[in-house]
Amino acid sequence: TFNKGQVKPSYLQLGSGFLNKMNTFSATNVVLLLIIALCFGSTFLFISLSLSDFDPLSSGSGRIIIAGTFSLFFAFASGHGLPKTLKLWLYSSAYGIFCLGLPFILIPFALKTITTGEVAIYLSSIPLFILLLARIVLKERITKKKWIGFFIGFSGLILLIGPDSILSGRMTENISAAALCI
């Protein structure tokens, strides 16, 4: 239940029929998945291309301005508008700064010294770290399926990085750029 002033998540308004359709294997869902993969997969390519004409700060700031414009349009087009309470503004601001703003600014700096492939590998390791942190810090019980997924993902990262690079300690020449990604 939601109290007055709380924002009801939009996926609840769509009803369970929508959620059930998203869990089925259909041509539409495959196309949507490919569109998402194309958008996320090309991100680092376009950032690195933008760095030939702009400095990292301008590149990251441009992404923030474009994303903010689309977010405002979507917020008003969906009928939700801007947050109505100070508490929501504080949460939204903290999330925007730490989860969106900083990565949008830091990733172009990292791309000045490491390849787009390395950035993608480092960023794909984040969900694996989150699973471990949830277990260690929050004492959350991790299901067998999640552990299996963790080991499959971890194995994939080792294959992408290359076992030789890991064993020789040559994962990246610029460890500070790698840290900016994570």
C-alpha atoms as a PDB file:
ATOM      1  CA  THR A   1       0.000   0.000   0.000  1.00  0.00           C
ATOM      2  CA  PHE A   2       1.100   3.532  -0.684  1.00  0.00           C
ATOM      3  CA  ASN A   3       0.485   6.593   1.445  1.00  0.00           C
ATOM      4  CA  LYS A   4      -0.519   9.950   0.058  1.00  0.00           C
ATOM      5  CA  GLY A   5       2.517  11.662  -1.433  1.00  0.00           C
ATOM      6  CA  GLN A   6       4.374   8.435  -2.203  1.00  0.00           C
ATOM      7  CA  VAL A   7       5.079   7.612  -5.814  1.00  0.00           C
ATOM      8  CA  LYS A   8       3.568   4.360  -6.977  1.00  0.00           C
ATOM      9  CA  PRO A   9       6.016   2.444  -9.217  1.00  0.00           C
ATOM     10  CA  SER A  10       4.766   2.546 -12.801  1.00  0.00           C
ATOM     11  CA  TYR A  11       5.223  -1.199 -13.344  1.00  0.00           C
ATOM     12  CA  LEU A  12       2.475  -1.787 -10.761  1.00  0.00           C
ATOM     13  CA  GLN A  13       0.114   0.392 -12.761  1.00  0.00           C
ATOM     14  CA  LEU A  14       0.626  -1.769 -15.839  1.00  0.00           C
ATOM     15  CA  GLY A  15      -0.757  -4.822 -14.061  1.00  0.00           C
ATOM     16  CA  SER A  16       0.453  -8.377 -13.815  1.00  0.00           C
ATOM     17  CA  GLY A  17      -0.500  -9.080 -17.442  1.00  0.00           C
ATOM     18  CA  PHE A  18       2.355  -6.866 -18.587  1.00  0.00           C
ATOM     19  CA  LEU A  19       4.838  -8.592 -16.299  1.00  0.00           C
ATOM     20  CA  ASN A  20       3.718 -12.026 -17.467  1.00  0.00           C
ATOM     21  CA  LYS A  21       4.196 -11.013 -21.107  1.00  0.00           C
ATOM     22  CA  MET A  22       7.758  -9.892 -20.373  1.00  0.00           C
ATOM     23  CA  ASN A  23       8.630 -13.350 -18.997  1.00  0.00           C
ATOM     24  CA  THR A  24       7.686 -15.177 -22.189  1.00  0.00           C
ATOM     25  CA  PHE A  25       9.940 -16.018 -25.104  1.00  0.00           C
ATOM     26  CA  SER A  26       8.580 -14.073 -28.048  1.00  0.00           C
ATOM     27  CA  ALA A  27       9.931 -12.302 -31.093  1.00  0.00           C
ATOM     28  CA  THR A  28       8.995  -8.934 -29.575  1.00  0.00           C
ATOM     29  CA  ASN A  29      10.962  -9.638 -26.384  1.00  0.00           C
ATOM     30  CA  VAL A  30      13.970 -10.830 -28.396  1.00  0.00           C
ATOM     31  CA  VAL A  31      13.895  -7.637 -30.475  1.00  0.00           C
ATOM     32  CA  LEU A  32      13.593  -5.526 -27.301  1.00  0.00           C
ATOM     33  CA  LEU A  33      16.531  -7.404 -25.768  1.00  0.00           C
ATOM     34  CA  LEU A  34      18.631  -6.812 -28.903  1.00  0.00           C
ATOM     35  CA  ILE A  35      17.777  -3.092 -28.838  1.00  0.00           C
ATOM     36  CA  ILE A  36      18.861  -2.852 -25.191  1.00  0.00           C
ATOM     37  CA  ALA A  37      22.063  -4.787 -25.953  1.00  0.00           C
ATOM     38  CA  LEU A  38      22.795  -2.476 -28.880  1.00  0.00           C
ATOM     39  CA  CYS A  39      22.236   0.627 -26.747  1.00  0.00           C
ATOM     40  CA  PHE A  40      24.364  -0.566 -23.837  1.00  0.00           C
ATOM     41  CA  GLY A  41      27.000  -2.216 -26.002  1.00  0.00           C
ATOM     42  CA  SER A  42      27.610   0.828 -28.166  1.00  0.00           C
ATOM     43  CA  THR A  43      27.871   3.234 -25.236  1.00  0.00           C
ATOM     44  CA  PHE A  44      31.611   2.874 -24.757  1.00  0.00           C
ATOM     45  CA  LEU A  45      32.268   3.085 -28.498  1.00  0.00           C
ATOM     46  CA  PHE A  46      30.431   6.400 -28.729  1.00  0.00           C
ATOM     47  CA  ILE A  47      32.133   7.744 -25.607  1.00  0.00           C
ATOM     48  CA  SER A  48      35.561   6.912 -27.035  1.00  0.00           C
ATOM     49  CA  LEU A  49      34.579   8.507 -30.363  1.00  0.00           C
ATOM     50  CA  SER A  50      33.446  11.655 -28.553  1.00  0.00           C
ATOM     51  CA  LEU A  51      36.845  11.874 -26.853  1.00  0.00           C
ATOM     52  CA  SER A  52      38.487  12.659 -30.204  1.00  0.00           C
ATOM     53  CA  ASP A  53      36.627  16.005 -30.267  1.00  0.00           C
ATOM     54  CA  PHE A  54      35.863  16.703 -26.587  1.00  0.00           C
ATOM     55  CA  ASP A  55      37.728  16.435 -23.310  1.00  0.00           C
ATOM     56  CA  PRO A  56      36.477  13.790 -20.818  1.00  0.00           C
ATOM     57  CA  LEU A  57      34.605  16.302 -18.650  1.00  0.00           C
ATOM     58  CA  SER A  58      32.700  17.714 -21.644  1.00  0.00           C
ATOM     59  CA  SER A  59      31.918  14.233 -22.943  1.00  0.00           C
ATOM     60  CA  GLY A  60      30.536  13.100 -19.588  1.00  0.00           C
ATOM     61  CA  SER A  61      28.646  16.352 -19.064  1.00  0.00           C
ATOM     62  CA  GLY A  62      27.087  16.080 -22.505  1.00  0.00           C
ATOM     63  CA  ARG A  63      25.828  12.586 -21.696  1.00  0.00           C
ATOM     64  CA  ILE A  64      24.332  13.884 -18.434  1.00  0.00           C
ATOM     65  CA  ILE A  65      22.550  16.746 -20.225  1.00  0.00           C
ATOM     66  CA  ILE A  66      21.140  14.417 -22.885  1.00  0.00           C
ATOM     67  CA  ALA A  67      20.071  11.796 -20.312  1.00  0.00           C
ATOM     68  CA  GLY A  68      18.525  14.475 -18.091  1.00  0.00           C
ATOM     69  CA  THR A  69      16.544  15.920 -20.972  1.00  0.00           C
ATOM     70  CA  PHE A  70      15.136  12.508 -21.909  1.00  0.00           C
ATOM     71  CA  SER A  71      14.404  11.739 -18.246  1.00  0.00           C
ATOM     72  CA  LEU A  72      12.467  14.989 -17.824  1.00  0.00           C
ATOM     73  CA  PHE A  73      10.510  14.318 -20.999  1.00  0.00           C
ATOM     74  CA  PHE A  74       9.686  10.766 -19.863  1.00  0.00           C
ATOM     75  CA  ALA A  75       8.736  11.916 -16.339  1.00  0.00           C
ATOM     76  CA  PHE A  76       6.218  14.422 -17.666  1.00  0.00           C
ATOM     77  CA  ALA A  77       4.998  12.235 -20.568  1.00  0.00           C
ATOM     78  CA  SER A  78       4.254   9.385 -18.158  1.00  0.00           C
ATOM     79  CA  GLY A  79       2.275  11.729 -15.911  1.00  0.00           C
ATOM     80  CA  HIS A  80       4.567  11.452 -12.892  1.00  0.00           C
ATOM     81  CA  GLY A  81       6.369  14.787 -13.201  1.00  0.00           C
ATOM     82  CA  LEU A  82       9.087  15.788 -10.768  1.00  0.00           C
ATOM     83  CA  PRO A  83       9.386  14.553  -7.160  1.00  0.00           C
ATOM     84  CA  LYS A  84       6.908  16.293  -4.885  1.00  0.00           C
ATOM     85  CA  THR A  85       8.564  15.970  -1.473  1.00  0.00           C
ATOM     86  CA  LEU A  86      11.921  17.039  -0.085  1.00  0.00           C
ATOM     87  CA  LYS A  87      12.661  13.441   0.905  1.00  0.00           C
ATOM     88  CA  LEU A  88      12.170  12.234  -2.679  1.00  0.00           C
ATOM     89  CA  TRP A  89      14.323  15.105  -3.966  1.00  0.00           C
ATOM     90  CA  LEU A  90      17.119  14.110  -1.572  1.00  0.00           C
ATOM     91  CA  TYR A  91      16.948  10.432  -2.552  1.00  0.00           C
ATOM     92  CA  SER A  92      16.743  11.303  -6.247  1.00  0.00           C
ATOM     93  CA  SER A  93      19.667  13.732  -5.975  1.00  0.00           C
ATOM     94  CA  ALA A  94      21.882  11.265  -4.110  1.00  0.00           C
ATOM     95  CA  TYR A  95      21.065   8.509  -6.598  1.00  0.00           C
ATOM     96  CA  GLY A  96      21.611  10.832  -9.545  1.00  0.00           C
ATOM     97  CA  ILE A  97      24.975  12.047  -8.302  1.00  0.00           C
ATOM     98  CA  PHE A  98      26.491   8.765  -7.135  1.00  0.00           C
ATOM     99  CA  CYS A  99      24.914   6.220  -9.499  1.00  0.00           C
ATOM    100  CA  LEU A 100      24.590   8.256 -12.682  1.00  0.00           C
ATOM    101  CA  GLY A 101      26.569  11.507 -12.575  1.00  0.00           C
ATOM    102  CA  LEU A 102      29.889  10.221 -11.267  1.00  0.00           C
ATOM    103  CA  PRO A 103      30.061   7.212 -13.614  1.00  0.00           C
ATOM    104  CA  PHE A 104      29.089   9.406 -16.590  1.00  0.00           C
ATOM    105  CA  ILE A 105      31.984  11.723 -15.715  1.00  0.00           C
ATOM    106  CA  LEU A 106      34.583   9.127 -14.652  1.00  0.00           C
ATOM    107  CA  ILE A 107      34.223   6.622 -17.505  1.00  0.00           C
ATOM    108  CA  PRO A 108      35.425   9.076 -20.200  1.00  0.00           C
ATOM    109  CA  PHE A 109      38.523   9.752 -18.068  1.00  0.00           C
ATOM    110  CA  ALA A 110      39.168   6.001 -17.854  1.00  0.00           C
ATOM    111  CA  LEU A 111      38.698   5.620 -21.611  1.00  0.00           C
ATOM    112  CA  LYS A 112      41.599   8.011 -22.200  1.00  0.00           C
ATOM    113  CA  THR A 113      44.000   5.312 -20.957  1.00  0.00           C
ATOM    114  CA  ILE A 114      42.304   1.897 -21.321  1.00  0.00           C
ATOM    115  CA  THR A 115      40.333   0.263 -24.119  1.00  0.00           C
ATOM    116  CA  THR A 116      36.563   0.111 -24.429  1.00  0.00           C
ATOM    117  CA  GLY A 117      36.770  -3.674 -24.037  1.00  0.00           C
ATOM    118  CA  GLU A 118      38.550  -3.330 -20.711  1.00  0.00           C
ATOM    119  CA  VAL A 119      35.976  -0.810 -19.495  1.00  0.00           C
ATOM    120  CA  ALA A 120      33.164  -3.182 -20.468  1.00  0.00           C
ATOM    121  CA  ILE A 121      34.846  -6.048 -18.616  1.00  0.00           C
ATOM    122  CA  TYR A 122      35.361  -3.998 -15.462  1.00  0.00           C
ATOM    123  CA  LEU A 123      31.791  -2.706 -15.492  1.00  0.00           C
ATOM    124  CA  SER A 124      30.402  -6.191 -16.054  1.00  0.00           C
ATOM    125  CA  SER A 125      32.147  -7.284 -12.866  1.00  0.00           C
ATOM    126  CA  ILE A 126      30.045  -4.901 -10.743  1.00  0.00           C
ATOM    127  CA  PRO A 127      27.030  -7.243 -10.300  1.00  0.00           C
ATOM    128  CA  LEU A 128      29.429  -9.949  -9.122  1.00  0.00           C
ATOM    129  CA  PHE A 129      30.868  -7.627  -6.485  1.00  0.00           C
ATOM    130  CA  ILE A 130      27.351  -6.608  -5.439  1.00  0.00           C
ATOM    131  CA  LEU A 131      26.413 -10.245  -4.822  1.00  0.00           C
ATOM    132  CA  LEU A 132      29.479 -10.758  -2.640  1.00  0.00           C
ATOM    133  CA  LEU A 133      28.923  -7.503  -0.760  1.00  0.00           C
ATOM    134  CA  ALA A 134      25.271  -8.404  -0.137  1.00  0.00           C
ATOM    135  CA  ARG A 135      26.435 -11.649   1.433  1.00  0.00           C
ATOM    136  CA  ILE A 136      29.270 -10.135   3.483  1.00  0.00           C
ATOM    137  CA  VAL A 137      27.834  -6.771   4.539  1.00  0.00           C
ATOM    138  CA  LEU A 138      24.080  -7.375   4.607  1.00  0.00           C
ATOM    139  CA  LYS A 139      24.327 -11.040   5.610  1.00  0.00           C
ATOM    140  CA  GLU A 140      21.842 -11.766   2.827  1.00  0.00           C
ATOM    141  CA  ARG A 141      21.171 -15.409   2.052  1.00  0.00           C
ATOM    142  CA  ILE A 142      22.289 -16.159  -1.498  1.00  0.00           C
ATOM    143  CA  THR A 143      20.323 -18.862  -3.293  1.00  0.00           C
ATOM    144  CA  LYS A 144      21.903 -21.743  -5.178  1.00  0.00           C
ATOM    145  CA  LYS A 145      20.780 -20.238  -8.504  1.00  0.00           C
ATOM    146  CA  LYS A 146      22.495 -16.948  -7.675  1.00  0.00           C
ATOM    147  CA  TRP A 147      25.747 -18.729  -6.744  1.00  0.00           C
ATOM    148  CA  ILE A 148      25.627 -20.692  -9.993  1.00  0.00           C
ATOM    149  CA  GLY A 149      25.053 -17.431 -11.885  1.00  0.00           C
ATOM    150  CA  PHE A 150      27.924 -15.839  -9.967  1.00  0.00           C
ATOM    151  CA  PHE A 151      30.362 -18.606 -10.925  1.00  0.00           C
ATOM    152  CA  ILE A 152      29.227 -18.579 -14.562  1.00  0.00           C
ATOM    153  CA  GLY A 153      29.698 -14.790 -14.675  1.00  0.00           C
ATOM    154  CA  PHE A 154      33.042 -14.972 -12.909  1.00  0.00           C
ATOM    155  CA  SER A 155      34.223 -17.684 -15.303  1.00  0.00           C
ATOM    156  CA  GLY A 156      33.160 -15.516 -18.232  1.00  0.00           C
ATOM    157  CA  LEU A 157      35.144 -12.576 -16.874  1.00  0.00           C
ATOM    158  CA  ILE A 158      38.235 -14.746 -16.479  1.00  0.00           C
ATOM    159  CA  LEU A 159      37.861 -15.893 -20.083  1.00  0.00           C
ATOM    160  CA  LEU A 160      37.400 -12.312 -21.319  1.00  0.00           C
ATOM    161  CA  ILE A 161      40.345 -10.952 -19.359  1.00  0.00           C
ATOM    162  CA  GLY A 162      42.458 -13.959 -20.242  1.00  0.00           C
ATOM    163  CA  PRO A 163      43.904 -16.392 -17.708  1.00  0.00           C
ATOM    164  CA  ASP A 164      47.429 -15.480 -18.873  1.00  0.00           C
ATOM    165  CA  SER A 165      46.901 -11.819 -17.966  1.00  0.00           C
ATOM    166  CA  ILE A 166      45.589 -12.731 -14.523  1.00  0.00           C
ATOM    167  CA  LEU A 167      48.395 -15.168 -13.712  1.00  0.00           C
ATOM    168  CA  SER A 168      51.132 -12.832 -14.958  1.00  0.00           C
ATOM    169  CA  GLY A 169      49.650  -9.787 -13.196  1.00  0.00           C
ATOM    170  CA  ARG A 170      49.374  -7.819 -16.473  1.00  0.00           C
ATOM    171  CA  MET A 171      45.608  -7.221 -16.332  1.00  0.00           C
ATOM    172  CA  THR A 172      45.992  -3.549 -17.154  1.00  0.00           C
ATOM    173  CA  GLU A 173      48.866  -1.163 -17.319  1.00  0.00           C
ATOM    174  CA  ASN A 174      46.868   1.622 -15.734  1.00  0.00           C
ATOM    175  CA  ILE A 175      45.213   0.334 -12.596  1.00  0.00           C
ATOM    176  CA  SER A 176      43.891   3.797 -11.649  1.00  0.00           C
ATOM    177  CA  ALA A 177      41.839   3.927 -14.867  1.00  0.00           C
ATOM    178  CA  ALA A 178      40.467   0.475 -14.072  1.00  0.00           C
ATOM    179  CA  ALA A 179      39.506   1.680 -10.595  1.00  0.00           C
ATOM    180  CA  LEU A 180      37.567   4.589 -12.109  1.00  0.00           C
ATOM    181  CA  CYS A 181      35.405   2.050 -13.963  1.00  0.00           C
ATOM    182  CA  ILE A 182      34.588   0.027 -10.876  1.00  0.00           C
END
